Amino acid sequence: MDFKTTVTDLSAITLRDSQWRNSKYQALKECSTTQKGDWAENLLCKLLSAKGLAATIHNHGRGGYDVEAPRQRTEVKLATQDVGGKFQFNGIDLERDFDAGFLLGVTPNELFFLYLSKCDLHPKLYTGFSKWTLHPMQLVSLTEENFWASWTALNLCKKVH
């Protein structure tokens, strides 16, 4: 094998965790962190918009929060399941200006979530250094019923901005 072929040969590389190979969410596992975040922000906007709620991505997903919807400014975080079976949600800065956190956990074939008020993010879930490490059993399966139950609970008695 010549030098150029040697340094470009990726044939020995495979997904570290074979459970992701040919799975429903393999593309999410393989894309960049920014692409994952953008996908999750768009997903939340689409879910809210499908029920007639005006939802927009705030400042291209940069800044104090990611998605603005009636009665809620939401910080969105996506984590794919790691080899230990958990999700690590990084960079949740509680000093930023948001009302709720939408944590989306992705396994090879299923989505899990928590939609919590900012005050419920801490100290219950905090594991240090602006990260939250959670097992799928600590989240809820992302179904239409579960999503809207969480949205409703989150917005009960919520003041309008």
N, C-alpha and C. Protein backbone atom coordinates (compact mmCIF):
# COMPACT_ATOMS: atom_id res chain seq x y z
N MET A 1 0.86 -1.17 0.00
CA MET A 1 0.00 0.00 0.00
C MET A 1 0.91 1.24 0.00
N ASP A 2 0.62 2.21 -0.88
CA ASP A 2 1.45 3.41 -0.92
C ASP A 2 1.06 4.36 0.22
N PHE A 3 1.84 5.40 0.41
CA PHE A 3 1.66 6.33 1.51
C PHE A 3 0.27 6.97 1.50
N LYS A 4 -0.13 7.52 0.35
CA LYS A 4 -1.43 8.19 0.25
C LYS A 4 -2.58 7.24 0.58
N THR A 5 -2.52 6.02 0.08
CA THR A 5 -3.55 5.03 0.36
C THR A 5 -3.56 4.67 1.84
N THR A 6 -2.38 4.56 2.42
CA THR A 6 -2.27 4.20 3.84
C THR A 6 -2.91 5.25 4.73
N VAL A 7 -2.64 6.53 4.47
CA VAL A 7 -3.16 7.59 5.35
C VAL A 7 -4.63 7.90 5.11
N THR A 8 -5.18 7.41 4.04
CA THR A 8 -6.61 7.64 3.77
C THR A 8 -7.45 6.38 3.95
N ASP A 9 -6.84 5.29 4.34
CA ASP A 9 -7.55 4.02 4.49
C ASP A 9 -8.35 4.02 5.80
N LEU A 10 -9.63 4.03 5.67
CA LEU A 10 -10.52 4.02 6.84
C LEU A 10 -11.27 2.69 6.96
N SER A 11 -10.84 1.69 6.24
CA SER A 11 -11.58 0.42 6.20
C SER A 11 -11.66 -0.26 7.56
N ALA A 12 -10.70 0.01 8.45
CA ALA A 12 -10.73 -0.63 9.77
C ALA A 12 -11.64 0.10 10.75
N ILE A 13 -12.15 1.25 10.35
CA ILE A 13 -12.99 2.04 11.24
C ILE A 13 -14.44 1.57 11.12
N THR A 14 -15.02 1.30 12.23
CA THR A 14 -16.45 0.99 12.28
C THR A 14 -17.03 1.75 13.47
N LEU A 15 -18.32 1.82 13.53
CA LEU A 15 -18.93 2.42 14.70
C LEU A 15 -18.46 1.69 15.94
N ARG A 16 -18.03 2.44 16.93
CA ARG A 16 -17.50 1.83 18.14
C ARG A 16 -18.53 0.93 18.81
N ASP A 17 -19.75 1.34 18.74
CA ASP A 17 -20.82 0.57 19.36
C ASP A 17 -21.72 0.03 18.24
N SER A 18 -21.63 -1.24 17.97
CA SER A 18 -22.33 -1.82 16.83
C SER A 18 -23.85 -1.73 16.94
N GLN A 19 -24.39 -1.45 18.12
CA GLN A 19 -25.84 -1.34 18.23
C GLN A 19 -26.38 -0.17 17.41
N TRP A 20 -25.53 0.80 17.07
CA TRP A 20 -25.96 1.93 16.26
C TRP A 20 -25.97 1.62 14.77
N ARG A 21 -25.24 0.61 14.34
CA ARG A 21 -25.15 0.29 12.91
C ARG A 21 -26.52 -0.10 12.38
N ASN A 22 -26.96 0.58 11.35
CA ASN A 22 -28.25 0.34 10.69
C ASN A 22 -29.45 0.59 11.61
N SER A 23 -29.27 1.39 12.63
CA SER A 23 -30.38 1.70 13.54
C SER A 23 -31.16 2.91 13.02
N LYS A 24 -32.31 3.13 13.61
CA LYS A 24 -33.18 4.24 13.22
C LYS A 24 -32.47 5.59 13.35
N TYR A 25 -31.68 5.77 14.41
CA TYR A 25 -31.06 7.07 14.69
C TYR A 25 -29.54 7.06 14.49
N GLN A 26 -29.05 6.18 13.63
CA GLN A 26 -27.61 6.11 13.35
C GLN A 26 -27.08 7.45 12.85
N ALA A 27 -27.82 8.12 11.99
CA ALA A 27 -27.36 9.39 11.44
C ALA A 27 -27.13 10.43 12.54
N LEU A 28 -27.98 10.44 13.57
CA LEU A 28 -27.78 11.38 14.68
C LEU A 28 -26.51 11.06 15.45
N LYS A 29 -26.24 9.80 15.64
CA LYS A 29 -25.03 9.39 16.36
C LYS A 29 -23.78 9.86 15.62
N GLU A 30 -23.84 9.83 14.30
CA GLU A 30 -22.66 10.12 13.49
C GLU A 30 -22.47 11.59 13.13
N CYS A 31 -23.49 12.42 13.29
CA CYS A 31 -23.35 13.82 12.87
C CYS A 31 -22.68 14.66 13.95
N SER A 32 -22.35 15.89 13.60
CA SER A 32 -21.64 16.78 14.52
C SER A 32 -22.54 17.21 15.67
N THR A 33 -21.93 17.70 16.72
CA THR A 33 -22.67 18.20 17.88
C THR A 33 -23.61 19.32 17.47
N THR A 34 -23.15 20.22 16.62
CA THR A 34 -23.99 21.33 16.16
C THR A 34 -25.19 20.80 15.38
N GLN A 35 -24.98 19.84 14.51
CA GLN A 35 -26.09 19.26 13.75
C GLN A 35 -27.08 18.57 14.67
N LYS A 36 -26.60 17.90 15.69
CA LYS A 36 -27.50 17.26 16.66
C LYS A 36 -28.36 18.30 17.35
N GLY A 37 -27.73 19.37 17.81
CA GLY A 37 -28.47 20.43 18.49
C GLY A 37 -29.49 21.09 17.58
N ASP A 38 -29.10 21.37 16.34
CA ASP A 38 -30.03 21.98 15.38
C ASP A 38 -31.22 21.07 15.13
N TRP A 39 -30.96 19.77 15.00
CA TRP A 39 -32.04 18.82 14.77
C TRP A 39 -33.02 18.81 15.94
N ALA A 40 -32.50 18.81 17.16
CA ALA A 40 -33.36 18.79 18.35
C ALA A 40 -34.17 20.07 18.47
N GLU A 41 -33.57 21.21 18.18
CA GLU A 41 -34.30 22.48 18.22
C GLU A 41 -35.42 22.49 17.19
N ASN A 42 -35.12 22.02 15.98
CA ASN A 42 -36.14 21.95 14.93
C ASN A 42 -37.25 20.98 15.32
N LEU A 43 -36.88 19.85 15.93
CA LEU A 43 -37.88 18.88 16.37
C LEU A 43 -38.85 19.52 17.35
N LEU A 44 -38.33 20.21 18.35
CA LEU A 44 -39.19 20.85 19.34
C LEU A 44 -40.11 21.87 18.67
N CYS A 45 -39.57 22.68 17.77
CA CYS A 45 -40.40 23.65 17.05
C CYS A 45 -41.50 22.97 16.26
N LYS A 46 -41.18 21.89 15.58
CA LYS A 46 -42.18 21.17 14.78
C LYS A 46 -43.26 20.57 15.66
N LEU A 47 -42.88 20.00 16.80
CA LEU A 47 -43.88 19.41 17.70
C LEU A 47 -44.84 20.48 18.21
N LEU A 48 -44.31 21.62 18.60
CA LEU A 48 -45.16 22.70 19.11
C LEU A 48 -46.02 23.30 18.00
N SER A 49 -45.42 23.51 16.85
CA SER A 49 -46.15 24.09 15.72
C SER A 49 -47.28 23.20 15.23
N ALA A 50 -47.09 21.89 15.35
CA ALA A 50 -48.13 20.95 14.91
C ALA A 50 -49.43 21.13 15.71
N LYS A 51 -49.32 21.70 16.90
CA LYS A 51 -50.50 21.96 17.73
C LYS A 51 -50.92 23.42 17.65
N GLY A 52 -50.36 24.14 16.68
CA GLY A 52 -50.76 25.53 16.48
C GLY A 52 -50.06 26.53 17.37
N LEU A 53 -49.02 26.10 18.08
CA LEU A 53 -48.27 27.02 18.93
C LEU A 53 -47.15 27.66 18.11
N ALA A 54 -47.05 28.96 18.20
CA ALA A 54 -45.99 29.67 17.48
C ALA A 54 -44.66 29.39 18.17
N ALA A 55 -43.81 28.66 17.51
CA ALA A 55 -42.51 28.30 18.08
C ALA A 55 -41.42 28.68 17.08
N THR A 56 -40.39 29.33 17.57
CA THR A 56 -39.28 29.74 16.71
C THR A 56 -37.96 29.43 17.37
N ILE A 57 -36.96 29.23 16.55
CA ILE A 57 -35.61 29.08 17.07
C ILE A 57 -35.08 30.48 17.33
N HIS A 58 -34.67 30.72 18.53
CA HIS A 58 -34.21 32.03 18.97
C HIS A 58 -32.75 32.23 18.60
N ASN A 59 -32.44 33.28 17.89
CA ASN A 59 -31.05 33.67 17.62
C ASN A 59 -30.23 32.51 17.05
N HIS A 60 -30.83 31.75 16.13
CA HIS A 60 -30.16 30.59 15.51
C HIS A 60 -29.71 29.56 16.55
N GLY A 61 -30.43 29.46 17.66
CA GLY A 61 -30.08 28.49 18.70
C GLY A 61 -28.88 28.89 19.53
N ARG A 62 -28.48 30.13 19.46
CA ARG A 62 -27.32 30.61 20.22
C ARG A 62 -27.80 31.63 21.25
N GLY A 63 -27.19 31.61 22.40
CA GLY A 63 -27.54 32.59 23.41
C GLY A 63 -28.17 31.94 24.62
N GLY A 64 -29.03 32.69 25.29
CA GLY A 64 -29.60 32.25 26.55
C GLY A 64 -30.54 31.08 26.46
N TYR A 65 -31.21 30.93 25.33
CA TYR A 65 -32.13 29.81 25.14
C TYR A 65 -32.23 29.53 23.65
N ASP A 66 -32.85 28.40 23.31
CA ASP A 66 -32.88 27.97 21.91
C ASP A 66 -34.22 28.15 21.22
N VAL A 67 -35.30 27.80 21.92
CA VAL A 67 -36.62 27.84 21.30
C VAL A 67 -37.55 28.73 22.12
N GLU A 68 -38.24 29.61 21.40
CA GLU A 68 -39.23 30.47 22.05
C GLU A 68 -40.61 30.05 21.58
N ALA A 69 -41.47 29.80 22.54
CA ALA A 69 -42.85 29.42 22.27
C ALA A 69 -43.72 30.16 23.28
N PRO A 70 -45.02 30.18 23.06
CA PRO A 70 -45.88 30.86 24.03
C PRO A 70 -45.61 30.37 25.45
N ARG A 71 -45.34 31.31 26.30
CA ARG A 71 -45.16 31.05 27.73
C ARG A 71 -43.90 30.26 28.08
N GLN A 72 -42.97 30.11 27.14
CA GLN A 72 -41.81 29.29 27.44
C GLN A 72 -40.59 29.63 26.58
N ARG A 73 -39.47 29.89 27.24
CA ARG A 73 -38.17 30.00 26.57
C ARG A 73 -37.38 28.78 26.98
N THR A 74 -37.03 27.96 26.00
CA THR A 74 -36.49 26.63 26.30
C THR A 74 -35.06 26.46 25.82
N GLU A 75 -34.23 25.96 26.69
CA GLU A 75 -32.88 25.53 26.35
C GLU A 75 -32.99 24.06 25.94
N VAL A 76 -32.50 23.72 24.75
CA VAL A 76 -32.62 22.37 24.20
C VAL A 76 -31.26 21.68 24.22
N LYS A 77 -31.24 20.46 24.71
CA LYS A 77 -30.01 19.66 24.73
C LYS A 77 -30.31 18.26 24.22
N LEU A 78 -29.43 17.75 23.37
CA LEU A 78 -29.56 16.39 22.86
C LEU A 78 -28.31 15.62 23.25
N ALA A 79 -28.51 14.39 23.68
CA ALA A 79 -27.39 13.49 23.97
C ALA A 79 -27.72 12.13 23.40
N THR A 80 -26.72 11.52 22.75
CA THR A 80 -26.90 10.15 22.30
C THR A 80 -26.41 9.23 23.40
N GLN A 81 -26.98 8.06 23.46
CA GLN A 81 -26.64 7.09 24.49
C GLN A 81 -25.18 6.65 24.32
N ASP A 82 -24.44 6.67 25.42
CA ASP A 82 -23.04 6.29 25.35
C ASP A 82 -22.87 4.78 25.56
N VAL A 83 -21.64 4.31 25.52
CA VAL A 83 -21.39 2.87 25.64
C VAL A 83 -21.78 2.34 27.02
N GLY A 84 -21.90 3.21 28.01
CA GLY A 84 -22.35 2.80 29.33
C GLY A 84 -23.87 2.80 29.47
N GLY A 85 -24.57 3.16 28.40
CA GLY A 85 -26.03 3.14 28.41
C GLY A 85 -26.67 4.40 28.94
N LYS A 86 -25.89 5.47 29.14
CA LYS A 86 -26.43 6.71 29.71
C LYS A 86 -26.35 7.85 28.70
N PHE A 87 -26.97 8.96 29.07
CA PHE A 87 -26.93 10.19 28.28
C PHE A 87 -26.17 11.23 29.10
N GLN A 88 -25.29 11.96 28.45
CA GLN A 88 -24.61 13.06 29.12
C GLN A 88 -25.00 14.36 28.43
N PHE A 89 -25.78 15.17 29.12
CA PHE A 89 -26.22 16.46 28.60
C PHE A 89 -25.23 17.52 29.08
N ASN A 90 -24.57 18.17 28.15
CA ASN A 90 -23.50 19.12 28.49
C ASN A 90 -23.91 20.56 28.25
N GLY A 91 -23.23 21.45 28.95
CA GLY A 91 -23.33 22.88 28.69
C GLY A 91 -24.63 23.52 29.10
N ILE A 92 -25.28 23.01 30.11
CA ILE A 92 -26.50 23.65 30.59
C ILE A 92 -26.09 24.69 31.63
N ASP A 93 -26.14 25.93 31.22
CA ASP A 93 -25.71 27.03 32.07
C ASP A 93 -26.93 27.65 32.73
N LEU A 94 -27.08 27.39 34.02
CA LEU A 94 -28.26 27.87 34.75
C LEU A 94 -28.27 29.38 34.96
N GLU A 95 -27.18 30.04 34.60
CA GLU A 95 -27.13 31.51 34.69
C GLU A 95 -27.78 32.16 33.47
N ARG A 96 -28.01 31.39 32.44
CA ARG A 96 -28.62 31.94 31.22
C ARG A 96 -30.11 32.18 31.42
N ASP A 97 -30.66 32.98 30.52
CA ASP A 97 -32.05 33.42 30.61
C ASP A 97 -32.97 32.45 29.86
N PHE A 98 -33.45 31.42 30.55
CA PHE A 98 -34.42 30.49 29.97
C PHE A 98 -35.36 30.02 31.06
N ASP A 99 -36.50 29.47 30.64
CA ASP A 99 -37.52 29.02 31.58
C ASP A 99 -37.52 27.52 31.80
N ALA A 100 -37.14 26.77 30.76
CA ALA A 100 -37.24 25.32 30.82
C ALA A 100 -36.11 24.67 30.03
N GLY A 101 -35.88 23.42 30.34
CA GLY A 101 -34.92 22.63 29.60
C GLY A 101 -35.61 21.45 28.94
N PHE A 102 -35.33 21.25 27.66
CA PHE A 102 -35.84 20.10 26.93
C PHE A 102 -34.64 19.21 26.67
N LEU A 103 -34.54 18.13 27.43
CA LEU A 103 -33.43 17.19 27.31
C LEU A 103 -33.90 16.02 26.48
N LEU A 104 -33.25 15.81 25.34
CA LEU A 104 -33.64 14.76 24.41
C LEU A 104 -32.54 13.70 24.36
N GLY A 105 -32.87 12.51 24.82
CA GLY A 105 -31.93 11.40 24.81
C GLY A 105 -32.22 10.47 23.65
N VAL A 106 -31.19 10.14 22.89
CA VAL A 106 -31.35 9.32 21.69
C VAL A 106 -30.64 7.98 21.88
N THR A 107 -31.40 6.90 21.79
CA THR A 107 -30.83 5.56 21.75
C THR A 107 -30.83 5.13 20.28
N PRO A 108 -30.28 3.99 19.96
CA PRO A 108 -30.27 3.61 18.55
C PRO A 108 -31.65 3.61 17.88
N ASN A 109 -32.69 3.28 18.63
CA ASN A 109 -34.01 3.15 18.00
C ASN A 109 -35.15 3.85 18.74
N GLU A 110 -34.82 4.67 19.73
CA GLU A 110 -35.89 5.31 20.50
C GLU A 110 -35.42 6.66 21.03
N LEU A 111 -36.40 7.55 21.22
CA LEU A 111 -36.14 8.87 21.80
C LEU A 111 -36.75 8.94 23.20
N PHE A 112 -36.01 9.55 24.11
CA PHE A 112 -36.48 9.80 25.48
C PHE A 112 -36.32 11.28 25.76
N PHE A 113 -37.07 11.79 26.73
CA PHE A 113 -36.95 13.21 27.01
C PHE A 113 -37.34 13.54 28.45
N LEU A 114 -36.96 14.74 28.83
CA LEU A 114 -37.48 15.42 30.01
C LEU A 114 -37.72 16.86 29.57
N TYR A 115 -38.85 17.39 29.96
CA TYR A 115 -39.15 18.80 29.71
C TYR A 115 -39.42 19.39 31.08
N LEU A 116 -38.44 20.07 31.64
CA LEU A 116 -38.49 20.52 33.02
C LEU A 116 -38.32 22.02 33.14
N SER A 117 -38.91 22.59 34.16
CA SER A 117 -38.65 24.00 34.44
C SER A 117 -37.19 24.16 34.85
N LYS A 118 -36.68 25.34 34.67
CA LYS A 118 -35.27 25.61 34.99
C LYS A 118 -34.97 25.26 36.45
N CYS A 119 -35.88 25.59 37.35
CA CYS A 119 -35.63 25.31 38.76
C CYS A 119 -35.57 23.82 39.05
N ASP A 120 -36.23 23.00 38.23
CA ASP A 120 -36.19 21.55 38.43
C ASP A 120 -34.94 20.91 37.83
N LEU A 121 -34.22 21.65 37.03
CA LEU A 121 -32.98 21.11 36.47
C LEU A 121 -31.90 21.01 37.55
N HIS A 122 -31.98 21.88 38.52
CA HIS A 122 -30.95 21.93 39.56
C HIS A 122 -31.65 21.97 40.91
N PRO A 123 -31.23 21.23 41.90
CA PRO A 123 -30.04 20.38 41.94
C PRO A 123 -30.33 18.92 41.62
N LYS A 124 -31.57 18.56 41.31
CA LYS A 124 -31.95 17.16 41.10
C LYS A 124 -31.05 16.41 40.13
N LEU A 125 -30.73 17.04 39.02
CA LEU A 125 -30.06 16.31 37.95
C LEU A 125 -28.59 16.66 37.79
N TYR A 126 -28.12 17.67 38.48
CA TYR A 126 -26.76 18.17 38.25
C TYR A 126 -25.70 17.20 38.74
N THR A 127 -24.75 16.88 37.88
CA THR A 127 -23.65 15.99 38.26
C THR A 127 -22.31 16.69 38.22
N GLY A 128 -22.31 17.99 38.02
CA GLY A 128 -21.07 18.77 38.05
C GLY A 128 -20.62 19.23 36.68
N PHE A 129 -19.90 20.35 36.67
CA PHE A 129 -19.30 20.89 35.45
C PHE A 129 -20.31 21.11 34.33
N SER A 130 -21.47 21.65 34.65
CA SER A 130 -22.51 21.95 33.67
C SER A 130 -22.96 20.74 32.87
N LYS A 131 -22.95 19.58 33.49
CA LYS A 131 -23.42 18.40 32.77
C LYS A 131 -24.37 17.60 33.65
N TRP A 132 -25.27 16.92 32.97
CA TRP A 132 -26.23 16.05 33.61
C TRP A 132 -26.07 14.68 32.98
N THR A 133 -25.85 13.65 33.78
CA THR A 133 -25.73 12.29 33.26
C THR A 133 -26.93 11.50 33.74
N LEU A 134 -27.72 11.00 32.78
CA LEU A 134 -28.97 10.34 33.10
C LEU A 134 -29.08 9.00 32.39
N HIS A 135 -29.75 8.07 33.03
CA HIS A 135 -30.05 6.76 32.45
C HIS A 135 -31.41 6.87 31.75
N PRO A 136 -31.64 6.10 30.70
CA PRO A 136 -32.95 6.17 30.03
C PRO A 136 -34.14 6.00 30.99
N MET A 137 -33.98 5.24 32.07
CA MET A 137 -35.08 5.06 33.02
C MET A 137 -35.42 6.35 33.76
N GLN A 138 -34.52 7.36 33.72
CA GLN A 138 -34.78 8.64 34.37
C GLN A 138 -35.51 9.60 33.44
N LEU A 139 -35.67 9.22 32.19
CA LEU A 139 -36.36 10.03 31.21
C LEU A 139 -37.66 9.34 30.82
N VAL A 140 -38.43 9.99 29.97
CA VAL A 140 -39.72 9.48 29.53
C VAL A 140 -39.64 9.20 28.03
N SER A 141 -40.25 8.13 27.59
CA SER A 141 -40.30 7.83 26.16
C SER A 141 -41.01 8.97 25.43
N LEU A 142 -40.43 9.41 24.32
CA LEU A 142 -41.03 10.52 23.57
C LEU A 142 -42.19 10.00 22.72
N THR A 143 -43.36 10.13 23.31
CA THR A 143 -44.61 9.85 22.59
C THR A 143 -45.41 11.14 22.59
N GLU A 144 -46.39 11.21 21.73
CA GLU A 144 -47.23 12.41 21.67
C GLU A 144 -47.91 12.66 23.02
N GLU A 145 -48.44 11.61 23.61
CA GLU A 145 -49.12 11.75 24.90
C GLU A 145 -48.17 12.24 25.99
N ASN A 146 -47.00 11.65 26.07
CA ASN A 146 -46.03 12.05 27.10
C ASN A 146 -45.53 13.47 26.88
N PHE A 147 -45.30 13.83 25.61
CA PHE A 147 -44.82 15.18 25.32
C PHE A 147 -45.83 16.23 25.78
N TRP A 148 -47.09 16.05 25.39
CA TRP A 148 -48.09 17.07 25.73
C TRP A 148 -48.44 17.06 27.22
N ALA A 149 -48.33 15.94 27.87
CA ALA A 149 -48.51 15.91 29.33
C ALA A 149 -47.41 16.73 30.00
N SER A 150 -46.19 16.61 29.52
CA SER A 150 -45.08 17.38 30.08
C SER A 150 -45.24 18.86 29.79
N TRP A 151 -45.62 19.20 28.56
CA TRP A 151 -45.83 20.60 28.18
C TRP A 151 -46.91 21.23 29.06
N THR A 152 -48.01 20.51 29.25
CA THR A 152 -49.12 21.02 30.05
C THR A 152 -48.68 21.22 31.50
N ALA A 153 -48.02 20.22 32.07
CA ALA A 153 -47.57 20.34 33.46
C ALA A 153 -46.58 21.49 33.62
N LEU A 154 -45.71 21.65 32.66
CA LEU A 154 -44.71 22.70 32.72
C LEU A 154 -45.35 24.09 32.67
N ASN A 155 -46.43 24.22 31.95
CA ASN A 155 -47.04 25.53 31.73
C ASN A 155 -48.19 25.86 32.67
N LEU A 156 -48.60 24.91 33.50
CA LEU A 156 -49.64 25.23 34.48
C LEU A 156 -49.11 26.31 35.43
N CYS A 157 -49.92 27.30 35.64
CA CYS A 157 -49.58 28.39 36.56
C CYS A 157 -48.33 29.15 36.15
N LYS A 158 -47.94 29.07 34.89
CA LYS A 158 -46.76 29.80 34.40
C LYS A 158 -47.16 31.19 34.00
N LYS A 159 -46.43 32.19 34.45
CA LYS A 159 -46.76 33.56 34.06
C LYS A 159 -46.29 33.80 32.62
N VAL A 160 -47.00 34.67 31.95
CA VAL A 160 -46.64 35.02 30.57
C VAL A 160 -45.56 36.08 30.63
N HIS A 161 -44.59 35.99 29.72
CA HIS A 161 -43.48 36.98 29.69
C HIS A 161 -44.01 38.35 29.37
